[in-house]
Every structure is written in structure tokens, then in C-alpha cells.
Amino acid sequence: AAELMFEKYKVPALFLAKNAVLTSFASGRATSLVVDSGGGSTVVSAVHDGYVLQKSVATSPIGGEFLTDCMMKSLESKGVVIRPRYSFKKKEVSPGDYKVVDLDFPNTTDSYRLYHMESYC
């Protein structure tokens, strides 16, 4: 990778680092505990003086998608109906009083509807 960058792209300098170290430096600290929670997993790393302590790295398969699914199931079990924002329109009848008008989009795909519903959680 470094050879390609120097020879093909003619970069004057190159700096490779682990995400946890860069996150720590971005917070203005050389030593920190970094929790990186993404869509599919969560990684916790200890950074000491700019180096990741490899034995301290813990990975979990629980990420944002799992948490969103749990939230959706919890709301559904309580009878809360989540409607995508595109499926209704809010009209102000008088100051402080609103009327909700349902909008019908019969050709909307399930994936599009689910995407908008999950954006609330």
C-alpha cells in the first residue's frame, strides 16, 4: 500500500494509524478509552500514549442495526405505530391546533418504508 502511494500517486508523505488512535487524537488526548459503535458491531479499545493496547480490545457483534431492531420490536409490543414521515401531512387548522392528513403512496416498496421508519429510532 505504501509503495503504491509513493510511486504511483507521488504522495510526499504517508501516515498509517489505527482508528482508535486517530479518534483519541481527534479528542485531543493521547490516552483514552475509545468505544466505536457501528451498524454491525461495537469495538472498545484502550489507547495509551498513542498506541492501542491490543490485549484490551473487545469486540461485540451488537451494533446500531441490532439496537434499532430491538427498539422497533419494543415499540410494536407496546402498540406504538410508527408511520414514515412521507405517509402523512400535518396541517395547522388554527394556532396550536393541527390536523393530520394521511397520504397514500401505493407503489412504495417495503424497503423504502422500512428505511424511513428506522430513521426515527
N, C-alpha and C. Protein backbone atom coordinates (compact mmCIF):
# COMPACT_ATOMS: atom_id res chain seq x y z
N ALA A 1 0.83 -1.20 0.00
CA ALA A 1 0.00 0.00 0.00
C ALA A 1 0.87 1.26 0.00
N ALA A 2 1.90 1.26 0.82
CA ALA A 2 2.76 2.44 0.90
C ALA A 2 3.52 2.64 -0.40
N GLU A 3 4.01 1.55 -0.98
CA GLU A 3 4.76 1.64 -2.23
C GLU A 3 3.87 2.21 -3.34
N LEU A 4 2.64 1.76 -3.41
CA LEU A 4 1.69 2.26 -4.40
C LEU A 4 1.45 3.75 -4.23
N MET A 5 1.28 4.19 -3.01
CA MET A 5 1.02 5.61 -2.75
C MET A 5 2.21 6.48 -3.16
N PHE A 6 3.41 6.03 -2.83
CA PHE A 6 4.61 6.83 -3.15
C PHE A 6 4.93 6.80 -4.65
N GLU A 7 4.89 5.63 -5.26
CA GLU A 7 5.34 5.51 -6.65
C GLU A 7 4.28 5.90 -7.67
N LYS A 8 3.04 5.48 -7.45
CA LYS A 8 2.00 5.77 -8.45
C LYS A 8 1.37 7.14 -8.24
N TYR A 9 1.02 7.46 -7.00
CA TYR A 9 0.32 8.71 -6.71
C TYR A 9 1.23 9.85 -6.29
N LYS A 10 2.51 9.55 -6.10
CA LYS A 10 3.52 10.57 -5.79
C LYS A 10 3.18 11.40 -4.55
N VAL A 11 2.66 10.75 -3.51
CA VAL A 11 2.38 11.48 -2.27
C VAL A 11 3.70 11.82 -1.58
N PRO A 12 3.83 13.00 -0.98
CA PRO A 12 5.08 13.38 -0.32
C PRO A 12 5.28 12.70 1.03
N ALA A 13 4.18 12.30 1.68
CA ALA A 13 4.28 11.67 2.99
C ALA A 13 3.06 10.78 3.19
N LEU A 14 3.17 9.83 4.11
CA LEU A 14 2.09 8.90 4.37
C LEU A 14 2.07 8.57 5.85
N PHE A 15 0.88 8.56 6.44
CA PHE A 15 0.74 8.23 7.85
C PHE A 15 -0.36 7.20 8.00
N LEU A 16 -0.02 6.02 8.50
CA LEU A 16 -0.99 4.96 8.74
C LEU A 16 -1.19 4.82 10.24
N ALA A 17 -2.45 4.71 10.65
CA ALA A 17 -2.74 4.57 12.08
C ALA A 17 -4.05 3.82 12.26
N LYS A 18 -4.25 3.31 13.43
CA LYS A 18 -5.49 2.61 13.77
C LYS A 18 -6.58 3.64 14.08
N ASN A 19 -7.82 3.25 13.79
CA ASN A 19 -8.96 4.16 14.00
C ASN A 19 -9.04 4.66 15.44
N ALA A 20 -8.80 3.77 16.40
CA ALA A 20 -8.91 4.16 17.81
C ALA A 20 -7.90 5.24 18.16
N VAL A 21 -6.70 5.14 17.62
CA VAL A 21 -5.66 6.14 17.88
C VAL A 21 -6.07 7.48 17.29
N LEU A 22 -6.56 7.46 16.06
CA LEU A 22 -6.99 8.71 15.41
C LEU A 22 -8.17 9.34 16.15
N THR A 23 -9.08 8.51 16.63
CA THR A 23 -10.22 9.02 17.40
C THR A 23 -9.74 9.67 18.69
N SER A 24 -8.79 9.04 19.34
CA SER A 24 -8.22 9.58 20.57
C SER A 24 -7.54 10.92 20.31
N PHE A 25 -6.72 10.98 19.25
CA PHE A 25 -6.04 12.23 18.90
C PHE A 25 -7.04 13.32 18.52
N ALA A 26 -8.13 12.95 17.85
CA ALA A 26 -9.14 13.93 17.45
C ALA A 26 -9.81 14.56 18.66
N SER A 27 -9.80 13.83 19.78
CA SER A 27 -10.36 14.37 21.03
C SER A 27 -9.32 15.12 21.84
N GLY A 28 -8.12 15.23 21.30
CA GLY A 28 -7.07 15.96 21.99
C GLY A 28 -6.39 15.17 23.09
N ARG A 29 -6.48 13.85 23.01
CA ARG A 29 -5.89 13.01 24.05
C ARG A 29 -5.03 11.91 23.43
N ALA A 30 -3.91 11.63 24.04
CA ALA A 30 -3.06 10.53 23.59
C ALA A 30 -3.42 9.24 24.31
N THR A 31 -4.10 9.35 25.45
CA THR A 31 -4.53 8.20 26.22
C THR A 31 -6.03 8.29 26.43
N SER A 32 -6.74 7.22 26.06
CA SER A 32 -8.20 7.24 26.19
C SER A 32 -8.77 5.84 26.04
N LEU A 33 -10.06 5.73 26.30
CA LEU A 33 -10.82 4.51 26.04
C LEU A 33 -11.79 4.86 24.93
N VAL A 34 -11.66 4.19 23.79
CA VAL A 34 -12.46 4.51 22.61
C VAL A 34 -13.53 3.44 22.42
N VAL A 35 -14.79 3.87 22.32
CA VAL A 35 -15.90 2.98 22.02
C VAL A 35 -16.39 3.33 20.63
N ASP A 36 -16.23 2.41 19.69
CA ASP A 36 -16.62 2.62 18.30
C ASP A 36 -17.79 1.71 17.98
N SER A 37 -18.98 2.29 17.96
CA SER A 37 -20.18 1.51 17.70
C SER A 37 -20.68 1.81 16.30
N GLY A 38 -20.65 0.81 15.45
CA GLY A 38 -21.10 0.97 14.07
C GLY A 38 -22.43 0.28 13.86
N GLY A 39 -22.77 0.07 12.61
CA GLY A 39 -24.04 -0.57 12.28
C GLY A 39 -24.08 -2.03 12.66
N GLY A 40 -22.97 -2.74 12.50
CA GLY A 40 -22.97 -4.18 12.72
C GLY A 40 -22.21 -4.67 13.93
N SER A 41 -21.37 -3.83 14.53
CA SER A 41 -20.58 -4.28 15.68
C SER A 41 -20.11 -3.09 16.51
N THR A 42 -19.59 -3.41 17.69
CA THR A 42 -19.03 -2.40 18.59
C THR A 42 -17.64 -2.87 19.02
N VAL A 43 -16.68 -1.95 18.98
CA VAL A 43 -15.30 -2.27 19.37
C VAL A 43 -14.87 -1.27 20.45
N VAL A 44 -14.33 -1.79 21.54
CA VAL A 44 -13.81 -0.96 22.62
C VAL A 44 -12.30 -1.16 22.67
N SER A 45 -11.55 -0.05 22.61
CA SER A 45 -10.09 -0.12 22.58
C SER A 45 -9.49 0.86 23.57
N ALA A 46 -8.47 0.40 24.29
CA ALA A 46 -7.73 1.28 25.18
C ALA A 46 -6.53 1.82 24.40
N VAL A 47 -6.34 3.13 24.45
CA VAL A 47 -5.21 3.77 23.78
C VAL A 47 -4.35 4.40 24.86
N HIS A 48 -3.04 4.08 24.84
CA HIS A 48 -2.11 4.63 25.83
C HIS A 48 -0.94 5.27 25.09
N ASP A 49 -0.75 6.56 25.29
CA ASP A 49 0.32 7.33 24.65
C ASP A 49 0.37 7.12 23.14
N GLY A 50 -0.80 7.07 22.51
CA GLY A 50 -0.88 6.96 21.05
C GLY A 50 -0.77 5.55 20.50
N TYR A 51 -0.79 4.55 21.36
CA TYR A 51 -0.73 3.16 20.90
C TYR A 51 -1.94 2.40 21.42
N VAL A 52 -2.53 1.56 20.58
CA VAL A 52 -3.64 0.71 21.01
C VAL A 52 -3.07 -0.45 21.81
N LEU A 53 -3.61 -0.69 22.99
CA LEU A 53 -3.21 -1.84 23.80
C LEU A 53 -4.00 -3.03 23.28
N GLN A 54 -3.36 -3.87 22.46
CA GLN A 54 -4.03 -4.94 21.72
C GLN A 54 -4.81 -5.91 22.62
N LYS A 55 -4.27 -6.21 23.79
CA LYS A 55 -4.94 -7.16 24.67
C LYS A 55 -6.20 -6.58 25.30
N SER A 56 -6.36 -5.27 25.20
CA SER A 56 -7.53 -4.64 25.80
C SER A 56 -8.68 -4.49 24.81
N VAL A 57 -8.48 -4.82 23.55
CA VAL A 57 -9.51 -4.64 22.53
C VAL A 57 -10.62 -5.67 22.73
N ALA A 58 -11.84 -5.18 22.85
CA ALA A 58 -13.01 -6.06 23.00
C ALA A 58 -13.99 -5.75 21.86
N THR A 59 -14.47 -6.82 21.21
CA THR A 59 -15.39 -6.67 20.09
C THR A 59 -16.71 -7.35 20.43
N SER A 60 -17.80 -6.69 20.07
CA SER A 60 -19.14 -7.24 20.28
C SER A 60 -19.90 -7.21 18.96
N PRO A 61 -20.67 -8.25 18.67
CA PRO A 61 -21.45 -8.25 17.43
C PRO A 61 -22.69 -7.36 17.50
N ILE A 62 -22.90 -6.72 18.63
CA ILE A 62 -24.07 -5.84 18.79
C ILE A 62 -23.71 -4.44 18.30
N GLY A 63 -24.49 -3.97 17.34
CA GLY A 63 -24.27 -2.64 16.79
C GLY A 63 -25.58 -1.90 16.62
N GLY A 64 -25.54 -0.86 15.86
CA GLY A 64 -26.70 0.00 15.68
C GLY A 64 -27.90 -0.67 15.06
N GLU A 65 -27.68 -1.58 14.10
CA GLU A 65 -28.81 -2.26 13.45
C GLU A 65 -29.55 -3.13 14.46
N PHE A 66 -28.82 -3.84 15.31
CA PHE A 66 -29.44 -4.68 16.33
C PHE A 66 -30.24 -3.82 17.32
N LEU A 67 -29.65 -2.71 17.74
CA LEU A 67 -30.34 -1.82 18.68
C LEU A 67 -31.59 -1.22 18.06
N THR A 68 -31.54 -0.89 16.77
CA THR A 68 -32.71 -0.36 16.08
C THR A 68 -33.81 -1.42 16.03
N ASP A 69 -33.45 -2.67 15.73
CA ASP A 69 -34.43 -3.76 15.70
C ASP A 69 -35.08 -3.95 17.07
N CYS A 70 -34.27 -3.91 18.13
CA CYS A 70 -34.81 -4.04 19.49
C CYS A 70 -35.78 -2.91 19.82
N MET A 71 -35.43 -1.70 19.43
CA MET A 71 -36.29 -0.55 19.68
C MET A 71 -37.61 -0.68 18.92
N MET A 72 -37.54 -1.09 17.67
CA MET A 72 -38.75 -1.26 16.86
C MET A 72 -39.66 -2.33 17.47
N LYS A 73 -39.09 -3.46 17.89
CA LYS A 73 -39.89 -4.53 18.49
C LYS A 73 -40.50 -4.08 19.81
N SER A 74 -39.75 -3.32 20.60
CA SER A 74 -40.27 -2.81 21.87
C SER A 74 -41.45 -1.87 21.65
N LEU A 75 -41.32 -0.98 20.68
CA LEU A 75 -42.41 -0.05 20.39
C LEU A 75 -43.63 -0.78 19.85
N GLU A 76 -43.41 -1.77 18.98
CA GLU A 76 -44.53 -2.54 18.43
C GLU A 76 -45.25 -3.32 19.52
N SER A 77 -44.50 -3.88 20.48
CA SER A 77 -45.12 -4.65 21.56
C SER A 77 -45.98 -3.78 22.47
N LYS A 78 -45.68 -2.48 22.51
CA LYS A 78 -46.47 -1.55 23.32
C LYS A 78 -47.60 -0.91 22.52
N GLY A 79 -47.74 -1.33 21.26
CA GLY A 79 -48.82 -0.81 20.43
C GLY A 79 -48.54 0.54 19.79
N VAL A 80 -47.29 0.98 19.84
CA VAL A 80 -46.93 2.25 19.22
C VAL A 80 -46.78 2.03 17.72
N VAL A 81 -47.50 2.82 16.94
CA VAL A 81 -47.42 2.72 15.48
C VAL A 81 -46.47 3.80 14.97
N ILE A 82 -45.45 3.36 14.26
CA ILE A 82 -44.50 4.31 13.68
C ILE A 82 -44.86 4.46 12.21
N ARG A 83 -45.17 5.68 11.83
CA ARG A 83 -45.51 5.95 10.44
C ARG A 83 -44.39 6.77 9.81
N PRO A 84 -43.99 6.38 8.61
CA PRO A 84 -42.95 7.16 7.92
C PRO A 84 -43.45 8.58 7.66
N ARG A 85 -42.55 9.53 7.71
CA ARG A 85 -42.91 10.95 7.56
C ARG A 85 -43.59 11.24 6.22
N TYR A 86 -43.24 10.49 5.18
CA TYR A 86 -43.83 10.75 3.87
C TYR A 86 -45.29 10.30 3.79
N SER A 87 -45.79 9.51 4.76
CA SER A 87 -47.13 8.93 4.68
C SER A 87 -48.23 9.82 5.28
N PHE A 88 -47.87 10.98 5.78
CA PHE A 88 -48.90 11.89 6.31
C PHE A 88 -48.43 13.33 6.17
N LYS A 89 -49.41 14.22 6.29
CA LYS A 89 -49.12 15.65 6.22
C LYS A 89 -49.82 16.29 7.41
N LYS A 90 -49.13 17.20 8.07
CA LYS A 90 -49.67 17.90 9.23
C LYS A 90 -50.12 19.28 8.77
N LYS A 91 -51.39 19.59 9.02
CA LYS A 91 -51.94 20.89 8.63
C LYS A 91 -52.36 21.65 9.87
N GLU A 92 -52.00 22.91 9.95
CA GLU A 92 -52.40 23.74 11.08
C GLU A 92 -53.79 24.30 10.81
N VAL A 93 -54.77 23.87 11.62
CA VAL A 93 -56.15 24.32 11.46
C VAL A 93 -56.31 25.70 12.09
N SER A 94 -55.79 25.84 13.28
CA SER A 94 -55.77 27.13 13.99
C SER A 94 -54.47 27.16 14.78
N PRO A 95 -54.06 28.31 15.27
CA PRO A 95 -52.78 28.38 16.00
C PRO A 95 -52.71 27.35 17.14
N GLY A 96 -51.75 26.45 17.03
CA GLY A 96 -51.56 25.42 18.05
C GLY A 96 -52.40 24.18 17.86
N ASP A 97 -53.31 24.16 16.87
CA ASP A 97 -54.18 23.02 16.62
C ASP A 97 -53.87 22.45 15.24
N TYR A 98 -53.54 21.17 15.18
CA TYR A 98 -53.13 20.55 13.93
C TYR A 98 -54.04 19.40 13.55
N LYS A 99 -54.17 19.18 12.25
CA LYS A 99 -54.92 18.06 11.72
C LYS A 99 -53.95 17.22 10.89
N VAL A 100 -53.98 15.90 11.09
CA VAL A 100 -53.10 15.01 10.36
C VAL A 100 -53.88 14.40 9.20
N VAL A 101 -53.34 14.55 7.99
CA VAL A 101 -53.97 14.02 6.79
C VAL A 101 -53.10 12.88 6.27
N ASP A 102 -53.71 11.69 6.12
CA ASP A 102 -52.98 10.54 5.59
C ASP A 102 -52.77 10.70 4.09
N LEU A 103 -51.57 10.34 3.63
CA LEU A 103 -51.25 10.37 2.21
C LEU A 103 -51.08 8.93 1.74
N ASP A 104 -51.51 8.63 0.53
CA ASP A 104 -51.45 7.27 0.02
C ASP A 104 -50.44 7.18 -1.12
N PHE A 105 -49.46 6.29 -0.95
CA PHE A 105 -48.46 6.02 -1.99
C PHE A 105 -48.44 4.51 -2.20
N PRO A 106 -49.31 3.98 -3.07
CA PRO A 106 -49.45 2.52 -3.21
C PRO A 106 -48.23 1.82 -3.81
N ASN A 107 -47.39 2.51 -4.54
CA ASN A 107 -46.25 1.86 -5.18
C ASN A 107 -44.96 1.93 -4.36
N THR A 108 -45.06 2.33 -3.11
CA THR A 108 -43.89 2.42 -2.24
C THR A 108 -43.42 1.02 -1.86
N THR A 109 -42.13 0.76 -2.00
CA THR A 109 -41.60 -0.57 -1.66
C THR A 109 -41.44 -0.72 -0.15
N ASP A 110 -41.43 -1.97 0.29
CA ASP A 110 -41.26 -2.25 1.72
C ASP A 110 -39.92 -1.76 2.24
N SER A 111 -38.88 -1.89 1.42
CA SER A 111 -37.54 -1.47 1.86
C SER A 111 -37.48 0.04 2.07
N TYR A 112 -38.16 0.81 1.21
CA TYR A 112 -38.18 2.27 1.36
C TYR A 112 -38.95 2.67 2.62
N ARG A 113 -40.09 2.01 2.86
CA ARG A 113 -40.89 2.29 4.06
C ARG A 113 -40.09 1.95 5.31
N LEU A 114 -39.43 0.79 5.32
CA LEU A 114 -38.64 0.37 6.48
C LEU A 114 -37.47 1.32 6.73
N TYR A 115 -36.82 1.78 5.66
CA TYR A 115 -35.72 2.73 5.79
C TYR A 115 -36.18 4.00 6.51
N HIS A 116 -37.33 4.53 6.13
CA HIS A 116 -37.82 5.75 6.76
C HIS A 116 -38.31 5.51 8.19
N MET A 117 -38.87 4.34 8.45
CA MET A 117 -39.31 4.04 9.82
C MET A 117 -38.10 3.90 10.74
N GLU A 118 -37.03 3.27 10.26
CA GLU A 118 -35.84 3.08 11.10
C GLU A 118 -35.08 4.37 11.32
N SER A 119 -35.31 5.37 10.51
CA SER A 119 -34.60 6.64 10.70
C SER A 119 -35.08 7.36 11.96
N TYR A 120 -36.23 6.96 12.51
CA TYR A 120 -36.72 7.56 13.75
C TYR A 120 -36.07 6.96 14.98
N CYS A 121 -35.67 5.70 14.91
CA CYS A 121 -35.12 5.01 16.09
C CYS A 121 -33.65 5.24 16.25
